[in-house]
Amino acid sequence: MLRVLVPIAEGFEEIEAVSIIDVLRRAGIEVIMGTLNENLLVKGANGITLHADCPIKGLCADELDMIVLPGGWGGTKALAHDTAMQNLLKAMDAKGKNIGAICAAPYALYKAGVLKEGYTCYPSVEDEIDVAGYCGDASAVVQSGNIMTSRGPGTAICFGLAIVQKLVGDETYEKLRGGLLADYCAPL
């Protein structure tokens, strides 16, 4: 079974985290919600608390197929400054494994040195990122090598579906897209 880590930190964007987790689980992907410390209850940017599965400490790139970071400035900054998270992102990238980030979270990829040229993010976050190739609103989801990025809360379902298409294939993608009434989401 495919395993995807979705790390959440205080101040994460709830719509993004829950939408991505939900879509991936509907596709039969095992999703691990990880935290930066031993506290498994994590409060999001809008006051919604999620119960994570485990701390990310101890997880290694070899046991994961992808990492997907939800946005929200508070959570993104915590992910960008956490040594274990940054090291895990670098290890995933070194192995050519898939990495995703939405909204403000491409900033955490930038801090890890894994963000590739050709990305999107929440408007204004690109001002904090010194990597060429910001695509703006040209597409809800942008893929550059092993890195996938998306714009924000309104694109979270399309982002989750794009991840499903990449990891599981077109048939499952189309089935889920239809079932979610997400015809507005474009394939990769």
C-alpha atoms as a PDB file:
ATOM      1  CA  MET A   1       0.000   0.000   0.000  1.00  0.00           C
ATOM      2  CA  LEU A   2       1.220   3.497  -0.817  1.00  0.00           C
ATOM      3  CA  ARG A   3       2.106   5.620   2.239  1.00  0.00           C
ATOM      4  CA  VAL A   4       1.870   9.408   2.301  1.00  0.00           C
ATOM      5  CA  LEU A   5       2.902  11.604   5.213  1.00  0.00           C
ATOM      6  CA  VAL A   6       0.881  14.766   5.823  1.00  0.00           C
ATOM      7  CA  PRO A   7       2.701  16.675   8.576  1.00  0.00           C
ATOM      8  CA  ILE A   8       0.612  19.163  10.528  1.00  0.00           C
ATOM      9  CA  ALA A   9       1.947  21.879  12.805  1.00  0.00           C
ATOM     10  CA  GLU A  10       0.217  24.519  14.927  1.00  0.00           C
ATOM     11  CA  GLY A  11      -1.445  26.992  12.556  1.00  0.00           C
ATOM     12  CA  PHE A  12      -1.931  24.599   9.591  1.00  0.00           C
ATOM     13  CA  GLU A  13      -4.722  25.318   7.109  1.00  0.00           C
ATOM     14  CA  GLU A  14      -7.529  22.915   7.998  1.00  0.00           C
ATOM     15  CA  ILE A  15      -9.340  22.857   4.632  1.00  0.00           C
ATOM     16  CA  GLU A  16      -6.128  21.869   2.884  1.00  0.00           C
ATOM     17  CA  ALA A  17      -5.063  19.173   5.345  1.00  0.00           C
ATOM     18  CA  VAL A  18      -8.476  17.510   5.614  1.00  0.00           C
ATOM     19  CA  SER A  19      -9.267  17.728   1.880  1.00  0.00           C
ATOM     20  CA  ILE A  20      -5.944  16.162   0.905  1.00  0.00           C
ATOM     21  CA  ILE A  21      -6.167  13.430   3.553  1.00  0.00           C
ATOM     22  CA  ASP A  22      -9.771  12.622   2.607  1.00  0.00           C
ATOM     23  CA  VAL A  23      -9.128  12.425  -1.155  1.00  0.00           C
ATOM     24  CA  LEU A  24      -6.014  10.270  -0.709  1.00  0.00           C
ATOM     25  CA  ARG A  25      -7.776   7.862   1.648  1.00  0.00           C
ATOM     26  CA  ARG A  26     -10.695   7.530  -0.793  1.00  0.00           C
ATOM     27  CA  ALA A  27      -8.074   6.353  -3.308  1.00  0.00           C
ATOM     28  CA  GLY A  28      -6.882   3.627  -0.935  1.00  0.00           C
ATOM     29  CA  ILE A  29      -3.662   5.415   0.011  1.00  0.00           C
ATOM     30  CA  GLU A  30      -2.452   5.085   3.599  1.00  0.00           C
ATOM     31  CA  VAL A  31      -2.119   8.594   5.010  1.00  0.00           C
ATOM     32  CA  ILE A  32      -0.072   9.253   8.132  1.00  0.00           C
ATOM     33  CA  MET A  33      -0.781  12.520   9.911  1.00  0.00           C
ATOM     34  CA  GLY A  34       2.466  13.461  11.603  1.00  0.00           C
ATOM     35  CA  THR A  35       3.356  16.094  14.184  1.00  0.00           C
ATOM     36  CA  LEU A  36       6.566  17.916  14.996  1.00  0.00           C
ATOM     37  CA  ASN A  37       6.511  16.808  18.633  1.00  0.00           C
ATOM     38  CA  GLU A  38       4.874  14.292  20.964  1.00  0.00           C
ATOM     39  CA  ASN A  39       1.611  16.274  21.209  1.00  0.00           C
ATOM     40  CA  LEU A  40      -0.803  14.554  18.812  1.00  0.00           C
ATOM     41  CA  LEU A  41      -3.512  17.220  19.165  1.00  0.00           C
ATOM     42  CA  VAL A  42      -2.709  20.056  16.770  1.00  0.00           C
ATOM     43  CA  LYS A  43      -4.719  23.270  16.458  1.00  0.00           C
ATOM     44  CA  GLY A  44      -5.160  24.729  12.992  1.00  0.00           C
ATOM     45  CA  ALA A  45      -5.230  28.344  11.828  1.00  0.00           C
ATOM     46  CA  ASN A  46      -9.013  28.556  12.285  1.00  0.00           C
ATOM     47  CA  GLY A  47      -9.242  26.886  15.679  1.00  0.00           C
ATOM     48  CA  ILE A  48      -9.990  23.333  14.526  1.00  0.00           C
ATOM     49  CA  THR A  49      -7.951  20.688  16.320  1.00  0.00           C
ATOM     50  CA  LEU A  50      -6.939  17.460  14.580  1.00  0.00           C
ATOM     51  CA  HIS A  51      -5.669  14.312  16.250  1.00  0.00           C
ATOM     52  CA  ALA A  52      -2.515  13.177  14.435  1.00  0.00           C
ATOM     53  CA  ASP A  53      -1.226   9.621  14.201  1.00  0.00           C
ATOM     54  CA  CYS A  54       2.383   9.988  15.349  1.00  0.00           C
ATOM     55  CA  PRO A  55       5.355  12.318  15.593  1.00  0.00           C
ATOM     56  CA  ILE A  56       7.439  12.570  12.409  1.00  0.00           C
ATOM     57  CA  LYS A  57      10.610  11.925  14.388  1.00  0.00           C
ATOM     58  CA  GLY A  58      11.691   8.414  13.530  1.00  0.00           C
ATOM     59  CA  LEU A  59      10.002   8.297  10.123  1.00  0.00           C
ATOM     60  CA  CYS A  60      12.374   7.831   7.203  1.00  0.00           C
ATOM     61  CA  ALA A  61      12.169   8.433   3.473  1.00  0.00           C
ATOM     62  CA  ASP A  62      12.456   4.720   2.707  1.00  0.00           C
ATOM     63  CA  GLU A  63       9.078   3.996   4.323  1.00  0.00           C
ATOM     64  CA  LEU A  64       7.202   6.801   2.538  1.00  0.00           C
ATOM     65  CA  ASP A  65       6.041   7.244  -1.041  1.00  0.00           C
ATOM     66  CA  MET A  66       5.285  10.955  -0.697  1.00  0.00           C
ATOM     67  CA  ILE A  67       5.127  13.873   1.729  1.00  0.00           C
ATOM     68  CA  VAL A  68       2.393  16.492   1.282  1.00  0.00           C
ATOM     69  CA  LEU A  69       2.540  19.723   3.277  1.00  0.00           C
ATOM     70  CA  PRO A  70      -0.653  21.700   3.935  1.00  0.00           C
ATOM     71  CA  GLY A  71      -0.294  25.465   4.155  1.00  0.00           C
ATOM     72  CA  GLY A  72      -1.221  28.078   6.708  1.00  0.00           C
ATOM     73  CA  TRP A  73       1.578  30.501   7.707  1.00  0.00           C
ATOM     74  CA  GLY A  74       1.911  29.306  11.276  1.00  0.00           C
ATOM     75  CA  GLY A  75       2.175  25.654  10.312  1.00  0.00           C
ATOM     76  CA  THR A  76       4.375  26.397   7.306  1.00  0.00           C
ATOM     77  CA  LYS A  77       6.880  28.386   9.360  1.00  0.00           C
ATOM     78  CA  ALA A  78       7.018  25.594  11.946  1.00  0.00           C
ATOM     79  CA  LEU A  79       7.678  23.023   9.174  1.00  0.00           C
ATOM     80  CA  ALA A  80      10.296  25.328   7.622  1.00  0.00           C
ATOM     81  CA  HIS A  81      12.201  25.646  10.911  1.00  0.00           C
ATOM     82  CA  ASP A  82      11.923  22.060  12.170  1.00  0.00           C
ATOM     83  CA  THR A  83      15.202  20.176  11.632  1.00  0.00           C
ATOM     84  CA  ALA A  84      13.600  16.713  11.436  1.00  0.00           C
ATOM     85  CA  MET A  85      11.047  17.909   8.857  1.00  0.00           C
ATOM     86  CA  GLN A  86      13.672  19.675   6.770  1.00  0.00           C
ATOM     87  CA  ASN A  87      15.963  16.627   6.839  1.00  0.00           C
ATOM     88  CA  LEU A  88      13.098  14.329   5.816  1.00  0.00           C
ATOM     89  CA  LEU A  89      12.254  16.608   2.868  1.00  0.00           C
ATOM     90  CA  LYS A  90      15.904  16.601   1.771  1.00  0.00           C
ATOM     91  CA  ALA A  91      16.076  12.798   2.059  1.00  0.00           C
ATOM     92  CA  MET A  92      12.884  12.369   0.021  1.00  0.00           C
ATOM     93  CA  ASP A  93      14.197  14.691  -2.678  1.00  0.00           C
ATOM     94  CA  ALA A  94      17.609  12.973  -2.778  1.00  0.00           C
ATOM     95  CA  LYS A  95      15.792   9.695  -3.487  1.00  0.00           C
ATOM     96  CA  GLY A  96      13.624  11.326  -6.165  1.00  0.00           C
ATOM     97  CA  LYS A  97      10.478  10.655  -4.146  1.00  0.00           C
ATOM     98  CA  ASN A  98       7.355  12.760  -4.572  1.00  0.00           C
ATOM     99  CA  ILE A  99       6.845  15.868  -2.454  1.00  0.00           C
ATOM    100  CA  GLY A 100       3.814  18.150  -2.458  1.00  0.00           C
ATOM    101  CA  ALA A 101       3.011  21.503  -0.896  1.00  0.00           C
ATOM    102  CA  ILE A 102       0.013  23.812  -1.072  1.00  0.00           C
ATOM    103  CA  CYS A 103      -0.658  27.456  -0.193  1.00  0.00           C
ATOM    104  CA  ALA A 104       2.199  28.843   1.945  1.00  0.00           C
ATOM    105  CA  ALA A 105       3.909  25.441   2.294  1.00  0.00           C
ATOM    106  CA  PRO A 106       6.138  25.741  -0.808  1.00  0.00           C
ATOM    107  CA  TYR A 107       8.082  28.105   1.457  1.00  0.00           C
ATOM    108  CA  ALA A 108       9.023  25.116   3.651  1.00  0.00           C
ATOM    109  CA  LEU A 109      10.228  23.304   0.513  1.00  0.00           C
ATOM    110  CA  TYR A 110      12.274  26.363  -0.425  1.00  0.00           C
ATOM    111  CA  LYS A 111      13.893  26.424   3.033  1.00  0.00           C
ATOM    112  CA  ALA A 112      14.828  22.736   2.583  1.00  0.00           C
ATOM    113  CA  GLY A 113      16.335  23.509  -0.819  1.00  0.00           C
ATOM    114  CA  VAL A 114      14.037  21.089  -2.659  1.00  0.00           C
ATOM    115  CA  LEU A 115      11.622  23.469  -4.438  1.00  0.00           C
ATOM    116  CA  LYS A 116      12.169  23.279  -8.191  1.00  0.00           C
ATOM    117  CA  GLU A 117      11.786  25.977 -10.821  1.00  0.00           C
ATOM    118  CA  GLY A 118       8.147  25.994 -11.886  1.00  0.00           C
ATOM    119  CA  TYR A 119       5.824  26.163  -8.874  1.00  0.00           C
ATOM    120  CA  THR A 120       2.748  27.885  -7.539  1.00  0.00           C
ATOM    121  CA  CYS A 121       1.668  28.953  -4.056  1.00  0.00           C
ATOM    122  CA  TYR A 122      -0.676  31.305  -2.248  1.00  0.00           C
ATOM    123  CA  PRO A 123      -0.454  34.812  -3.766  1.00  0.00           C
ATOM    124  CA  SER A 124       2.242  36.895  -1.992  1.00  0.00           C
ATOM    125  CA  VAL A 125       4.111  33.865  -0.623  1.00  0.00           C
ATOM    126  CA  GLU A 126       6.234  33.883  -3.791  1.00  0.00           C
ATOM    127  CA  ASP A 127       7.778  37.108  -2.417  1.00  0.00           C
ATOM    128  CA  GLU A 128       9.353  34.980   0.349  1.00  0.00           C
ATOM    129  CA  ILE A 129      10.747  32.397  -2.098  1.00  0.00           C
ATOM    130  CA  ASP A 130      13.905  32.930  -4.125  1.00  0.00           C
ATOM    131  CA  VAL A 131      13.318  30.321  -6.846  1.00  0.00           C
ATOM    132  CA  ALA A 132      12.590  31.189 -10.472  1.00  0.00           C
ATOM    133  CA  GLY A 133       9.522  30.065 -12.326  1.00  0.00           C
ATOM    134  CA  TYR A 134       6.564  31.170 -10.206  1.00  0.00           C
ATOM    135  CA  CYS A 135       3.484  30.181 -12.260  1.00  0.00           C
ATOM    136  CA  GLY A 136       0.885  32.240 -10.383  1.00  0.00           C
ATOM    137  CA  ASP A 137      -2.685  31.309 -11.198  1.00  0.00           C
ATOM    138  CA  ALA A 138      -1.898  29.666 -14.566  1.00  0.00           C
ATOM    139  CA  SER A 139      -2.871  26.299 -13.065  1.00  0.00           C
ATOM    140  CA  ALA A 140      -4.374  25.051  -9.789  1.00  0.00           C
ATOM    141  CA  VAL A 141      -1.616  22.428  -9.587  1.00  0.00           C
ATOM    142  CA  VAL A 142       1.926  22.676 -10.947  1.00  0.00           C
ATOM    143  CA  GLN A 143       4.307  19.748 -11.258  1.00  0.00           C
ATOM    144  CA  SER A 144       8.044  20.205 -11.663  1.00  0.00           C
ATOM    145  CA  GLY A 145      10.025  16.971 -11.475  1.00  0.00           C
ATOM    146  CA  ASN A 146       9.164  15.233  -8.208  1.00  0.00           C
ATOM    147  CA  ILE A 147       7.593  18.385  -6.725  1.00  0.00           C
ATOM    148  CA  MET A 148       3.867  19.232  -6.912  1.00  0.00           C
ATOM    149  CA  THR A 149       2.508  22.555  -5.682  1.00  0.00           C
ATOM    150  CA  SER A 150      -0.913  24.145  -5.467  1.00  0.00           C
ATOM    151  CA  ARG A 151      -2.381  27.559  -4.663  1.00  0.00           C
ATOM    152  CA  GLY A 152      -4.585  27.388  -1.548  1.00  0.00           C
ATOM    153  CA  PRO A 153      -7.784  26.259   0.182  1.00  0.00           C
ATOM    154  CA  GLY A 154      -9.915  26.520  -2.961  1.00  0.00           C
ATOM    155  CA  THR A 155      -7.568  24.250  -4.915  1.00  0.00           C
ATOM    156  CA  ALA A 156      -7.126  21.581  -2.213  1.00  0.00           C
ATOM    157  CA  ILE A 157      -9.473  18.993  -3.732  1.00  0.00           C
ATOM    158  CA  CYS A 158      -7.881  19.404  -7.170  1.00  0.00           C
ATOM    159  CA  PHE A 159      -4.461  19.062  -5.531  1.00  0.00           C
ATOM    160  CA  GLY A 160      -5.525  15.866  -3.762  1.00  0.00           C
ATOM    161  CA  LEU A 161      -6.876  14.492  -7.040  1.00  0.00           C
ATOM    162  CA  ALA A 162      -3.641  15.366  -8.873  1.00  0.00           C
ATOM    163  CA  ILE A 163      -1.700  13.457  -6.225  1.00  0.00           C
ATOM    164  CA  VAL A 164      -4.033  10.476  -6.715  1.00  0.00           C
ATOM    165  CA  GLN A 165      -3.515  10.664 -10.481  1.00  0.00           C
ATOM    166  CA  LYS A 166       0.272  10.720 -10.011  1.00  0.00           C
ATOM    167  CA  LEU A 167       0.412   7.902  -7.447  1.00  0.00           C
ATOM    168  CA  VAL A 168      -2.483   5.618  -8.436  1.00  0.00           C
ATOM    169  CA  GLY A 169      -3.336   6.465 -12.039  1.00  0.00           C
ATOM    170  CA  ASP A 170      -5.921   7.960 -14.356  1.00  0.00           C
ATOM    171  CA  GLU A 171      -8.715   5.446 -13.726  1.00  0.00           C
ATOM    172  CA  THR A 172      -8.874   6.084  -9.975  1.00  0.00           C
ATOM    173  CA  TYR A 173      -8.430   9.810 -10.576  1.00  0.00           C
ATOM    174  CA  GLU A 174     -11.403   9.939 -12.965  1.00  0.00           C
ATOM    175  CA  LYS A 175     -13.588   7.821 -10.677  1.00  0.00           C
ATOM    176  CA  LEU A 176     -12.882  10.048  -7.669  1.00  0.00           C
ATOM    177  CA  ARG A 177     -13.183  13.283  -9.644  1.00  0.00           C
ATOM    178  CA  GLY A 178     -16.644  12.222 -10.812  1.00  0.00           C
ATOM    179  CA  GLY A 179     -17.729  11.012  -7.375  1.00  0.00           C
ATOM    180  CA  LEU A 180     -16.588  14.256  -5.752  1.00  0.00           C
ATOM    181  CA  LEU A 181     -18.351  16.330  -8.444  1.00  0.00           C
ATOM    182  CA  ALA A 182     -14.977  17.976  -9.067  1.00  0.00           C
ATOM    183  CA  ASP A 183     -15.246  18.252 -12.837  1.00  0.00           C
ATOM    184  CA  TYR A 184     -13.615  21.690 -12.502  1.00  0.00           C
ATOM    185  CA  CYS A 185     -10.304  19.948 -11.636  1.00  0.00           C
ATOM    186  CA  ALA A 186      -8.036  19.504 -14.656  1.00  0.00           C
ATOM    187  CA  PRO A 187      -5.853  16.402 -14.994  1.00  0.00           C
ATOM    188  CA  LEU A 188      -2.085  16.793 -14.815  1.00  0.00           C
END
